[in-house]
Amino acid sequence: MDKPTYVVIDMHKDVFHPARPDRQPIVHAVGKVIDEAMARGCPVVFVKFHDNSEVVPSLWNRADGYPARVLVTKYAFSGARQIKNACLDNQFSLSHFRLCGVAADVCVRSTAAELCKFYPQSRVEVLTYACDPPEGGWKRYKKGWAARVRLVCKPATDAA
């Protein structure tokens, strides 16, 4: 079985800088996801929007030197096309994706939808415990692509 490709979406420095203590819990949660990916030997694809300067340095640097770390730039809400290209270029799995980041109700959801469209046989998981907002408006989507997305509400170590 292929190792999942972890995807960190739109964790931009200008939104999550230390002067915004209310935003630090999501930075911490995403950091734990990155640690999990590296501990499992899984690739990590960071996605940033084209007009934002850089990924939160503590998150990007957390994977410094990790051979399966890639940064892609997107130009729309969804980064699925750029993720697909990064996976093809680096021989990362296209059969299983684990998404986290912001904004869950726009960019994470749009990316999940397009990954489901591009790869109908793939497993797409949204790690809601590492998304903002965590609820992401998922309850109103129950058909089509959304029915295929698995919402993961707790880290594996916290699961019963």
Protein backbone atom coordinates (compact mmCIF):
# COMPACT_ATOMS: atom_id res chain seq x y z
CA MET A 1 0.00 0.00 0.00
CA ASP A 2 1.26 3.47 -0.90
CA LYS A 3 2.10 5.86 1.88
CA PRO A 4 -0.32 8.79 1.95
CA THR A 5 0.66 12.19 0.65
CA TYR A 6 0.17 14.80 3.36
CA VAL A 7 -0.95 18.20 2.12
CA VAL A 8 -0.58 21.41 4.16
CA ILE A 9 -2.79 24.13 2.66
CA ASP A 10 -2.38 27.91 2.94
CA MET A 11 -0.50 28.17 6.23
CA HIS A 12 0.79 31.66 5.38
CA LYS A 13 3.19 33.56 7.59
CA ASP A 14 1.26 36.83 7.36
CA VAL A 15 -1.89 35.20 8.74
CA PHE A 16 -0.29 33.09 11.46
CA HIS A 17 2.51 35.28 12.79
CA PRO A 18 3.22 35.16 16.55
CA ALA A 19 1.43 38.48 17.14
CA ARG A 20 -1.81 36.54 16.58
CA PRO A 21 -1.91 34.20 19.59
CA ASP A 22 -5.47 33.18 18.69
CA ARG A 23 -4.08 31.48 15.57
CA GLN A 24 -1.31 29.50 17.28
CA PRO A 25 -3.39 26.38 18.10
CA ILE A 26 -3.84 25.64 14.40
CA VAL A 27 -0.10 26.15 13.79
CA HIS A 28 0.61 23.68 16.61
CA ALA A 29 -1.90 21.12 15.25
CA VAL A 30 -0.50 21.35 11.71
CA GLY A 31 3.02 21.00 13.12
CA LYS A 32 2.00 17.70 14.73
CA VAL A 33 0.60 16.52 11.39
CA ILE A 34 3.94 17.32 9.72
CA ASP A 35 5.75 15.39 12.47
CA GLU A 36 3.42 12.42 11.92
CA ALA A 37 4.05 12.46 8.17
CA MET A 38 7.81 12.52 8.60
CA ALA A 39 7.74 9.80 11.30
CA ARG A 40 5.80 7.60 8.85
CA GLY A 41 8.15 8.44 5.97
CA CYS A 42 5.34 10.09 3.98
CA PRO A 43 5.67 12.99 1.59
CA VAL A 44 4.55 16.47 2.65
CA VAL A 45 3.31 18.92 0.02
CA PHE A 46 2.99 22.52 1.22
CA VAL A 47 0.54 24.61 -0.81
CA LYS A 48 0.65 28.40 -0.78
CA PHE A 49 -1.42 31.02 -2.56
CA HIS A 50 0.47 32.98 -5.22
CA ASP A 51 0.16 36.38 -3.54
CA ASN A 52 1.26 35.29 -0.07
CA SER A 53 4.92 35.54 0.80
CA GLU A 54 5.77 32.30 2.53
CA VAL A 55 4.69 29.40 4.68
CA VAL A 56 4.82 29.86 8.45
CA PRO A 57 8.58 29.46 9.06
CA SER A 58 8.15 27.15 12.07
CA LEU A 59 6.16 24.75 9.88
CA TRP A 60 8.39 24.93 6.81
CA ASN A 61 11.57 24.65 8.91
CA ARG A 62 10.12 21.74 10.86
CA ALA A 63 10.63 19.66 7.72
CA ASP A 64 13.99 21.22 6.84
CA GLY A 65 16.20 18.61 5.24
CA TYR A 66 13.31 16.15 4.89
CA PRO A 67 13.74 14.66 1.41
CA ALA A 68 10.01 14.37 0.68
CA ARG A 69 9.09 18.04 1.34
CA VAL A 70 7.77 20.06 -1.60
CA LEU A 71 6.30 23.57 -1.93
CA VAL A 72 3.78 24.39 -4.66
CA THR A 73 2.07 27.66 -5.54
CA LYS A 74 -1.61 27.75 -6.44
CA TYR A 75 -3.58 30.40 -8.31
CA ALA A 76 -7.14 29.47 -7.27
CA PHE A 77 -8.90 28.17 -4.16
CA SER A 78 -7.95 24.61 -5.08
CA GLY A 79 -4.35 23.50 -5.24
CA ALA A 80 -5.21 20.05 -6.61
CA ARG A 81 -3.57 20.55 -10.01
CA GLN A 82 -0.31 21.68 -8.42
CA ILE A 83 -0.46 18.81 -5.91
CA LYS A 84 -1.04 16.36 -8.76
CA ASN A 85 1.98 17.71 -10.65
CA ALA A 86 4.19 17.62 -7.53
CA CYS A 87 3.16 14.03 -6.86
CA LEU A 88 3.88 12.98 -10.44
CA ASP A 89 7.22 14.82 -10.50
CA ASN A 90 8.35 13.31 -7.19
CA GLN A 91 6.70 9.88 -7.42
CA PHE A 92 4.46 10.55 -4.41
CA SER A 93 1.26 8.59 -3.90
CA LEU A 94 -1.81 9.65 -5.86
CA SER A 95 -4.00 7.05 -4.18
CA HIS A 96 -4.23 8.53 -0.67
CA PHE A 97 -4.20 12.17 0.45
CA ARG A 98 -4.38 13.63 3.98
CA LEU A 99 -5.24 17.35 3.97
CA CYS A 100 -4.95 20.00 6.67
CA GLY A 101 -4.69 23.79 6.88
CA VAL A 102 -6.94 26.72 6.05
CA ALA A 103 -9.47 27.77 5.09
CA ALA A 104 -11.31 24.49 5.57
CA ASP A 105 -14.56 25.90 4.24
CA VAL A 106 -12.98 27.18 1.00
CA CYS A 107 -9.45 26.11 0.05
CA VAL A 108 -9.26 22.75 1.81
CA ARG A 109 -12.74 21.81 0.59
CA SER A 110 -12.01 22.95 -2.99
CA THR A 111 -8.77 20.98 -3.03
CA ALA A 112 -10.48 17.86 -1.65
CA ALA A 113 -13.21 18.15 -4.29
CA GLU A 114 -10.74 18.39 -7.18
CA LEU A 115 -8.56 15.55 -5.87
CA CYS A 116 -11.71 13.39 -5.77
CA LYS A 117 -12.48 14.45 -9.34
CA PHE A 118 -8.97 13.83 -10.66
CA TYR A 119 -8.52 10.54 -8.80
CA PRO A 120 -11.93 8.92 -8.24
CA GLN A 121 -10.31 5.78 -6.79
CA SER A 122 -8.17 7.70 -4.31
CA ARG A 123 -8.73 8.00 -0.59
CA VAL A 124 -9.07 11.65 0.46
CA GLU A 125 -9.01 12.48 4.15
CA VAL A 126 -9.42 15.89 5.77
CA LEU A 127 -7.76 16.11 9.17
CA THR A 128 -10.34 18.44 10.71
CA TYR A 129 -8.41 18.63 13.99
CA ALA A 130 -5.69 20.46 12.01
CA CYS A 131 -7.98 22.69 9.95
CA ASP A 132 -9.42 26.11 10.56
CA PRO A 133 -12.32 26.31 10.91
CA PRO A 134 -12.42 22.68 12.08
CA GLU A 135 -16.07 22.17 11.12
CA GLY A 136 -15.41 23.52 7.60
CA GLY A 137 -19.09 23.39 6.66
CA TRP A 138 -18.77 19.70 5.79
CA LYS A 139 -22.16 18.68 7.22
CA ARG A 140 -24.05 20.34 4.38
CA TYR A 141 -22.15 18.33 1.76
CA LYS A 142 -23.25 14.72 1.71
CA LYS A 143 -23.43 13.76 -1.98
CA GLY A 144 -21.04 13.37 -4.88
CA TRP A 145 -17.38 14.04 -4.12
CA ALA A 146 -18.10 15.04 -0.50
CA ALA A 147 -19.51 11.60 0.23
CA ARG A 148 -16.06 10.20 -0.62
CA VAL A 149 -14.11 12.48 1.72
CA ARG A 150 -13.31 10.96 5.09
CA LEU A 151 -13.26 13.47 7.95
CA VAL A 152 -10.70 12.63 10.61
CA CYS A 153 -11.60 14.45 13.82
CA LYS A 154 -8.79 13.24 16.12
CA PRO A 155 -5.13 12.39 15.70
CA ALA A 156 -4.51 8.64 15.53
CA THR A 157 -2.86 8.65 18.95
CA ASP A 158 -6.03 10.12 20.48
CA ALA A 159 -8.41 7.67 18.81
CA ALA A 160 -10.13 5.13 20.99
